[in-house]
PDB file of all heavy atoms in Angstrom:
ATOM      1  N   SER A   1     -31.611 -41.280  54.648  1.00  0.00           N
ATOM      2  CA  SER A   1     -32.723 -41.212  53.691  1.00  0.00           C
ATOM      3  C   SER A   1     -32.235 -41.068  52.254  1.00  0.00           C
ATOM      4  O   SER A   1     -32.943 -41.437  51.313  1.00  0.00           O
ATOM      5  CB  SER A   1     -33.643 -40.045  54.051  1.00  0.00           C
ATOM      6  OG  SER A   1     -32.993 -38.804  53.814  1.00  0.00           O
ATOM      7  N   LEU A   2     -31.030 -40.524  52.075  1.00  0.00           N
ATOM      8  CA  LEU A   2     -30.471 -40.388  50.726  1.00  0.00           C
ATOM      9  C   LEU A   2     -29.843 -41.694  50.241  1.00  0.00           C
ATOM     10  O   LEU A   2     -29.859 -41.996  49.038  1.00  0.00           O
ATOM     11  CB  LEU A   2     -29.423 -39.269  50.706  1.00  0.00           C
ATOM     12  CG  LEU A   2     -29.923 -37.837  50.941  1.00  0.00           C
ATOM     13  CD1 LEU A   2     -28.748 -36.881  50.981  1.00  0.00           C
ATOM     14  CD2 LEU A   2     -30.919 -37.408  49.878  1.00  0.00           C
ATOM     15  N   ASP A   3     -29.308 -42.442  51.171  1.00  0.00           N
ATOM     16  CA  ASP A   3     -28.616 -43.676  50.791  1.00  0.00           C
ATOM     17  C   ASP A   3     -29.543 -44.873  50.662  1.00  0.00           C
ATOM     18  O   ASP A   3     -29.248 -45.833  49.929  1.00  0.00           O
ATOM     19  CB  ASP A   3     -27.517 -43.997  51.803  1.00  0.00           C
ATOM     20  CG  ASP A   3     -26.389 -42.975  51.758  1.00  0.00           C
ATOM     21  OD1 ASP A   3     -26.282 -42.270  50.737  1.00  0.00           O
ATOM     22  OD2 ASP A   3     -25.631 -42.877  52.742  1.00  0.00           O
ATOM     23  N   TYR A   4     -30.675 -44.817  51.385  1.00  0.00           N
ATOM     24  CA  TYR A   4     -31.576 -45.968  51.392  1.00  0.00           C
ATOM     25  C   TYR A   4     -32.994 -45.519  51.063  1.00  0.00           C
ATOM     26  O   TYR A   4     -33.420 -44.419  51.428  1.00  0.00           O
ATOM     27  CB  TYR A   4     -31.565 -46.662  52.753  1.00  0.00           C
ATOM     28  CG  TYR A   4     -30.197 -47.148  53.160  1.00  0.00           C
ATOM     29  CD1 TYR A   4     -29.377 -46.362  53.968  1.00  0.00           C
ATOM     30  CD2 TYR A   4     -29.716 -48.384  52.727  1.00  0.00           C
ATOM     31  CE1 TYR A   4     -28.110 -46.805  54.346  1.00  0.00           C
ATOM     32  CE2 TYR A   4     -28.455 -48.833  53.088  1.00  0.00           C
ATOM     33  CZ  TYR A   4     -27.658 -48.033  53.897  1.00  0.00           C
ATOM     34  OH  TYR A   4     -26.405 -48.456  54.269  1.00  0.00           O
ATOM     35  N   VAL A   5     -33.739 -46.376  50.415  1.00  0.00           N
ATOM     36  CA  VAL A   5     -35.141 -46.108  50.095  1.00  0.00           C
ATOM     37  C   VAL A   5     -35.979 -46.519  51.302  1.00  0.00           C
ATOM     38  O   VAL A   5     -36.047 -47.705  51.649  1.00  0.00           O
ATOM     39  CB  VAL A   5     -35.592 -46.890  48.850  1.00  0.00           C
ATOM     40  CG1 VAL A   5     -37.058 -46.607  48.578  1.00  0.00           C
ATOM     41  CG2 VAL A   5     -34.733 -46.526  47.658  1.00  0.00           C
ATOM     42  N   LEU A   6     -36.598 -45.549  51.941  1.00  0.00           N
ATOM     43  CA  LEU A   6     -37.386 -45.812  53.139  1.00  0.00           C
ATOM     44  C   LEU A   6     -38.831 -46.107  52.767  1.00  0.00           C
ATOM     45  O   LEU A   6     -39.373 -45.548  51.806  1.00  0.00           O
ATOM     46  CB  LEU A   6     -37.341 -44.606  54.078  1.00  0.00           C
ATOM     47  CG  LEU A   6     -35.945 -44.149  54.539  1.00  0.00           C
ATOM     48  CD1 LEU A   6     -36.072 -42.907  55.416  1.00  0.00           C
ATOM     49  CD2 LEU A   6     -35.236 -45.259  55.293  1.00  0.00           C
ATOM     50  N   SER A   7     -39.455 -47.004  53.525  1.00  0.00           N
ATOM     51  CA  SER A   7     -40.872 -47.302  53.293  1.00  0.00           C
ATOM     52  C   SER A   7     -41.706 -46.084  53.667  1.00  0.00           C
ATOM     53  O   SER A   7     -41.257 -45.207  54.406  1.00  0.00           O
ATOM     54  CB  SER A   7     -41.293 -48.496  54.143  1.00  0.00           C
ATOM     55  OG  SER A   7     -41.220 -48.191  55.521  1.00  0.00           O
ATOM     56  N   ARG A   8     -42.937 -46.034  53.158  1.00  0.00           N
ATOM     57  CA  ARG A   8     -43.808 -44.894  53.415  1.00  0.00           C
ATOM     58  C   ARG A   8     -44.078 -44.749  54.917  1.00  0.00           C
ATOM     59  O   ARG A   8     -44.071 -43.646  55.455  1.00  0.00           O
ATOM     60  CB  ARG A   8     -45.132 -45.082  52.664  1.00  0.00           C
ATOM     61  CG  ARG A   8     -46.108 -43.918  52.841  1.00  0.00           C
ATOM     62  CD  ARG A   8     -47.387 -44.144  52.053  1.00  0.00           C
ATOM     63  NE  ARG A   8     -48.307 -43.051  52.223  1.00  0.00           N
ATOM     64  CZ  ARG A   8     -48.279 -41.922  51.544  1.00  0.00           C
ATOM     65  NH1 ARG A   8     -47.336 -41.738  50.629  1.00  0.00           N
ATOM     66  NH2 ARG A   8     -49.161 -40.984  51.754  1.00  0.00           N
ATOM     67  N   ARG A   9     -44.307 -45.889  55.587  1.00  0.00           N
ATOM     68  CA  ARG A   9     -44.577 -45.860  57.022  1.00  0.00           C
ATOM     69  C   ARG A   9     -43.381 -45.336  57.798  1.00  0.00           C
ATOM     70  O   ARG A   9     -43.519 -44.489  58.692  1.00  0.00           O
ATOM     71  CB  ARG A   9     -44.942 -47.266  57.497  1.00  0.00           C
ATOM     72  CG  ARG A   9     -45.300 -47.339  58.978  1.00  0.00           C
ATOM     73  CD  ARG A   9     -45.692 -48.746  59.358  1.00  0.00           C
ATOM     74  NE  ARG A   9     -46.034 -48.835  60.765  1.00  0.00           N
ATOM     75  CZ  ARG A   9     -46.375 -49.973  61.390  1.00  0.00           C
ATOM     76  NH1 ARG A   9     -46.420 -51.114  60.688  1.00  0.00           N
ATOM     77  NH2 ARG A   9     -46.664 -49.966  62.674  1.00  0.00           N
ATOM     78  N   LEU A  10     -42.202 -45.865  57.465  1.00  0.00           N
ATOM     79  CA  LEU A  10     -40.988 -45.412  58.140  1.00  0.00           C
ATOM     80  C   LEU A  10     -40.710 -43.941  57.843  1.00  0.00           C
ATOM     81  O   LEU A  10     -40.234 -43.199  58.710  1.00  0.00           O
ATOM     82  CB  LEU A  10     -39.803 -46.272  57.699  1.00  0.00           C
ATOM     83  CG  LEU A  10     -38.458 -45.989  58.396  1.00  0.00           C
ATOM     84  CD1 LEU A  10     -38.591 -46.140  59.900  1.00  0.00           C
ATOM     85  CD2 LEU A  10     -37.363 -46.882  57.841  1.00  0.00           C
ATOM     86  N   LEU A  11     -41.032 -43.531  56.624  1.00  0.00           N
ATOM     87  CA  LEU A  11     -40.840 -42.135  56.237  1.00  0.00           C
ATOM     88  C   LEU A  11     -41.729 -41.216  57.074  1.00  0.00           C
ATOM     89  O   LEU A  11     -41.288 -40.166  57.560  1.00  0.00           O
ATOM     90  CB  LEU A  11     -41.142 -41.962  54.750  1.00  0.00           C
ATOM     91  CG  LEU A  11     -40.942 -40.549  54.173  1.00  0.00           C
ATOM     92  CD1 LEU A  11     -39.485 -40.132  54.316  1.00  0.00           C
ATOM     93  CD2 LEU A  11     -41.367 -40.504  52.712  1.00  0.00           C
ATOM     94  N   ILE A  12     -42.973 -41.603  57.258  1.00  0.00           N
ATOM     95  CA  ILE A  12     -43.914 -40.805  58.055  1.00  0.00           C
ATOM     96  C   ILE A  12     -43.441 -40.736  59.506  1.00  0.00           C
ATOM     97  O   ILE A  12     -43.463 -39.672  60.136  1.00  0.00           O
ATOM     98  CB  ILE A  12     -45.333 -41.393  57.974  1.00  0.00           C
ATOM     99  CG1 ILE A  12     -45.891 -41.245  56.551  1.00  0.00           C
ATOM    100  CG2 ILE A  12     -46.257 -40.701  58.975  1.00  0.00           C
ATOM    101  CD1 ILE A  12     -47.215 -41.920  56.344  1.00  0.00           C
ATOM    102  N   ILE A  13     -43.011 -41.883  60.047  1.00  0.00           N
ATOM    103  CA  ILE A  13     -42.505 -41.912  61.427  1.00  0.00           C
ATOM    104  C   ILE A  13     -41.294 -40.989  61.570  1.00  0.00           C
ATOM    105  O   ILE A  13     -41.163 -40.248  62.547  1.00  0.00           O
ATOM    106  CB  ILE A  13     -42.146 -43.355  61.838  1.00  0.00           C
ATOM    107  CG1 ILE A  13     -43.412 -44.219  61.918  1.00  0.00           C
ATOM    108  CG2 ILE A  13     -41.410 -43.365  63.181  1.00  0.00           C
ATOM    109  CD1 ILE A  13     -43.135 -45.688  62.185  1.00  0.00           C
ATOM    110  N   THR A  14     -40.414 -41.048  60.589  1.00  0.00           N
ATOM    111  CA  THR A  14     -39.217 -40.208  60.608  1.00  0.00           C
ATOM    112  C   THR A  14     -39.580 -38.729  60.596  1.00  0.00           C
ATOM    113  O   THR A  14     -39.022 -37.921  61.353  1.00  0.00           O
ATOM    114  CB  THR A  14     -38.320 -40.529  59.406  1.00  0.00           C
ATOM    115  OG1 THR A  14     -37.956 -41.909  59.449  1.00  0.00           O
ATOM    116  CG2 THR A  14     -37.065 -39.673  59.433  1.00  0.00           C
ATOM    117  N   ILE A  15     -40.530 -38.364  59.727  1.00  0.00           N
ATOM    118  CA  ILE A  15     -40.956 -36.965  59.616  1.00  0.00           C
ATOM    119  C   ILE A  15     -41.583 -36.485  60.918  1.00  0.00           C
ATOM    120  O   ILE A  15     -41.262 -35.400  61.433  1.00  0.00           O
ATOM    121  CB  ILE A  15     -41.943 -36.799  58.449  1.00  0.00           C
ATOM    122  CG1 ILE A  15     -41.220 -37.022  57.121  1.00  0.00           C
ATOM    123  CG2 ILE A  15     -42.590 -35.412  58.490  1.00  0.00           C
ATOM    124  CD1 ILE A  15     -42.144 -37.036  55.919  1.00  0.00           C
ATOM    125  N   VAL A  16     -42.481 -37.296  61.476  1.00  0.00           N
ATOM    126  CA  VAL A  16     -43.154 -36.912  62.724  1.00  0.00           C
ATOM    127  C   VAL A  16     -42.137 -36.800  63.864  1.00  0.00           C
ATOM    128  O   VAL A  16     -42.171 -35.850  64.655  1.00  0.00           O
ATOM    129  CB  VAL A  16     -44.252 -37.935  63.080  1.00  0.00           C
ATOM    130  CG1 VAL A  16     -44.812 -37.647  64.480  1.00  0.00           C
ATOM    131  CG2 VAL A  16     -45.365 -37.899  62.055  1.00  0.00           C
ATOM    132  N   PHE A  17     -41.234 -37.770  63.948  1.00  0.00           N
ATOM    133  CA  PHE A  17     -40.239 -37.773  65.027  1.00  0.00           C
ATOM    134  C   PHE A  17     -39.311 -36.560  64.948  1.00  0.00           C
ATOM    135  O   PHE A  17     -39.077 -35.877  65.951  1.00  0.00           O
ATOM    136  CB  PHE A  17     -39.417 -39.066  64.963  1.00  0.00           C
ATOM    137  CG  PHE A  17     -38.279 -39.087  65.936  1.00  0.00           C
ATOM    138  CD1 PHE A  17     -38.503 -39.328  67.288  1.00  0.00           C
ATOM    139  CD2 PHE A  17     -36.977 -38.854  65.500  1.00  0.00           C
ATOM    140  CE1 PHE A  17     -37.442 -39.336  68.184  1.00  0.00           C
ATOM    141  CE2 PHE A  17     -35.917 -38.861  66.396  1.00  0.00           C
ATOM    142  CZ  PHE A  17     -36.156 -39.114  67.741  1.00  0.00           C
ATOM    143  N   THR A  18     -38.788 -36.301  63.768  1.00  0.00           N
ATOM    144  CA  THR A  18     -37.858 -35.185  63.621  1.00  0.00           C
ATOM    145  C   THR A  18     -38.545 -33.841  63.833  1.00  0.00           C
ATOM    146  O   THR A  18     -38.001 -32.955  64.497  1.00  0.00           O
ATOM    147  CB  THR A  18     -37.195 -35.216  62.241  1.00  0.00           C
ATOM    148  OG1 THR A  18     -38.214 -35.289  61.218  1.00  0.00           O
ATOM    149  CG2 THR A  18     -36.289 -36.412  62.094  1.00  0.00           C
ATOM    150  N   SER A  19     -39.732 -33.702  63.275  1.00  0.00           N
ATOM    151  CA  SER A  19     -40.468 -32.439  63.450  1.00  0.00           C
ATOM    152  C   SER A  19     -40.831 -32.220  64.904  1.00  0.00           C
ATOM    153  O   SER A  19     -40.690 -31.113  65.445  1.00  0.00           O
ATOM    154  CB  SER A  19     -41.737 -32.447  62.590  1.00  0.00           C
ATOM    155  OG  SER A  19     -41.432 -32.629  61.234  1.00  0.00           O
ATOM    156  N   GLY A  20     -41.303 -33.285  65.570  1.00  0.00           N
ATOM    157  CA  GLY A  20     -41.659 -33.171  66.984  1.00  0.00           C
ATOM    158  C   GLY A  20     -40.453 -32.870  67.856  1.00  0.00           C
ATOM    159  O   GLY A  20     -40.544 -32.124  68.825  1.00  0.00           O
ATOM    160  N   SER A  21     -39.292 -33.446  67.492  1.00  0.00           N
ATOM    161  CA  SER A  21     -38.068 -33.210  68.268  1.00  0.00           C
ATOM    162  C   SER A  21     -37.663 -31.745  68.220  1.00  0.00           C
ATOM    163  O   SER A  21     -37.290 -31.153  69.239  1.00  0.00           O
ATOM    164  CB  SER A  21     -36.930 -34.090  67.738  1.00  0.00           C
ATOM    165  OG  SER A  21     -37.223 -35.453  67.915  1.00  0.00           O
ATOM    166  N   ILE A  22     -37.755 -31.167  67.034  1.00  0.00           N
ATOM    167  CA  ILE A  22     -37.396 -29.748  66.891  1.00  0.00           C
ATOM    168  C   ILE A  22     -38.363 -28.867  67.666  1.00  0.00           C
ATOM    169  O   ILE A  22     -37.955 -27.957  68.414  1.00  0.00           O
ATOM    170  CB  ILE A  22     -37.378 -29.343  65.410  1.00  0.00           C
ATOM    171  CG1 ILE A  22     -36.233 -30.046  64.685  1.00  0.00           C
ATOM    172  CG2 ILE A  22     -37.233 -27.832  65.261  1.00  0.00           C
ATOM    173  CD1 ILE A  22     -34.860 -29.676  65.194  1.00  0.00           C
ATOM    174  N   ALA A  23     -39.671 -29.106  67.498  1.00  0.00           N
ATOM    175  CA  ALA A  23     -40.662 -28.294  68.203  1.00  0.00           C
ATOM    176  C   ALA A  23     -40.494 -28.428  69.711  1.00  0.00           C
ATOM    177  O   ALA A  23     -40.550 -27.441  70.452  1.00  0.00           O
ATOM    178  CB  ALA A  23     -42.071 -28.706  67.779  1.00  0.00           C
ATOM    179  N   LEU A  24     -40.275 -29.678  70.189  1.00  0.00           N
ATOM    180  CA  LEU A  24     -40.082 -29.902  71.619  1.00  0.00           C
ATOM    181  C   LEU A  24     -38.813 -29.218  72.115  1.00  0.00           C
ATOM    182  O   LEU A  24     -38.774 -28.688  73.235  1.00  0.00           O
ATOM    183  CB  LEU A  24     -39.995 -31.408  71.901  1.00  0.00           C
ATOM    184  CG  LEU A  24     -39.829 -31.816  73.371  1.00  0.00           C
ATOM    185  CD1 LEU A  24     -41.015 -31.324  74.194  1.00  0.00           C
ATOM    186  CD2 LEU A  24     -39.673 -33.324  73.499  1.00  0.00           C
ATOM    187  N   CYS A  25     -37.796 -29.198  71.283  1.00  0.00           N
ATOM    188  CA  CYS A  25     -36.542 -28.526  71.629  1.00  0.00           C
ATOM    189  C   CYS A  25     -36.778 -27.035  71.861  1.00  0.00           C
ATOM    190  O   CYS A  25     -36.301 -26.458  72.840  1.00  0.00           O
ATOM    191  CB  CYS A  25     -35.533 -28.742  70.505  1.00  0.00           C
ATOM    192  SG  CYS A  25     -33.942 -27.946  70.771  1.00  0.00           S
ATOM    193  N   PHE A  26     -37.556 -26.411  70.981  1.00  0.00           N
ATOM    194  CA  PHE A  26     -37.843 -24.979  71.101  1.00  0.00           C
ATOM    195  C   PHE A  26     -38.696 -24.698  72.336  1.00  0.00           C
ATOM    196  O   PHE A  26     -38.436 -23.755  73.087  1.00  0.00           O
ATOM    197  CB  PHE A  26     -38.559 -24.479  69.853  1.00  0.00           C
ATOM    198  CG  PHE A  26     -37.710 -24.529  68.602  1.00  0.00           C
ATOM    199  CD1 PHE A  26     -38.251 -24.207  67.366  1.00  0.00           C
ATOM    200  CD2 PHE A  26     -36.381 -24.918  68.650  1.00  0.00           C
ATOM    201  CE1 PHE A  26     -37.480 -24.251  66.213  1.00  0.00           C
ATOM    202  CE2 PHE A  26     -35.600 -24.970  67.507  1.00  0.00           C
ATOM    203  CZ  PHE A  26     -36.154 -24.642  66.289  1.00  0.00           C
ATOM    204  N   ILE A  27     -39.716 -25.542  72.542  1.00  0.00           N
ATOM    205  CA  ILE A  27     -40.616 -25.338  73.687  1.00  0.00           C
ATOM    206  C   ILE A  27     -39.864 -25.526  75.001  1.00  0.00           C
ATOM    207  O   ILE A  27     -40.067 -24.788  75.965  1.00  0.00           O
ATOM    208  CB  ILE A  27     -41.821 -26.304  73.590  1.00  0.00           C
ATOM    209  CG1 ILE A  27     -42.692 -25.926  72.383  1.00  0.00           C
ATOM    210  CG2 ILE A  27     -42.650 -26.260  74.869  1.00  0.00           C
ATOM    211  CD1 ILE A  27     -43.775 -26.935  72.066  1.00  0.00           C
ATOM    212  N   THR A  28     -38.980 -26.504  75.041  1.00  0.00           N
ATOM    213  CA  THR A  28     -38.159 -26.733  76.239  1.00  0.00           C
ATOM    214  C   THR A  28     -37.284 -25.522  76.543  1.00  0.00           C
ATOM    215  O   THR A  28     -37.120 -25.122  77.703  1.00  0.00           O
ATOM    216  CB  THR A  28     -37.273 -27.973  76.056  1.00  0.00           C
ATOM    217  OG1 THR A  28     -38.096 -29.117  75.804  1.00  0.00           O
ATOM    218  CG2 THR A  28     -36.422 -28.232  77.295  1.00  0.00           C
ATOM    219  N   ALA A  29     -36.722 -24.941  75.501  1.00  0.00           N
ATOM    220  CA  ALA A  29     -35.878 -23.753  75.689  1.00  0.00           C
ATOM    221  C   ALA A  29     -36.691 -22.590  76.247  1.00  0.00           C
ATOM    222  O   ALA A  29     -36.221 -21.855  77.128  1.00  0.00           O
ATOM    223  CB  ALA A  29     -35.241 -23.358  74.362  1.00  0.00           C
ATOM    224  N   ILE A  30     -37.921 -22.421  75.742  1.00  0.00           N
ATOM    225  CA  ILE A  30     -38.792 -21.351  76.241  1.00  0.00           C
ATOM    226  C   ILE A  30     -39.130 -21.580  77.712  1.00  0.00           C
ATOM    227  O   ILE A  30     -39.130 -20.650  78.526  1.00  0.00           O
ATOM    228  CB  ILE A  30     -40.071 -21.265  75.390  1.00  0.00           C
ATOM    229  CG1 ILE A  30     -39.723 -20.776  73.968  1.00  0.00           C
ATOM    230  CG2 ILE A  30     -41.095 -20.342  76.024  1.00  0.00           C
ATOM    231  CD1 ILE A  30     -40.885 -20.846  72.992  1.00  0.00           C
TER     232      ILE A  30
END
């Protein structure tokens, strides 16, 4: 994301994916 300019759509997908991955990681651990 620092090296390349991401489109708004790709940026939203990236944010949702990364945030969901972290939350799912925590829930899986629980």
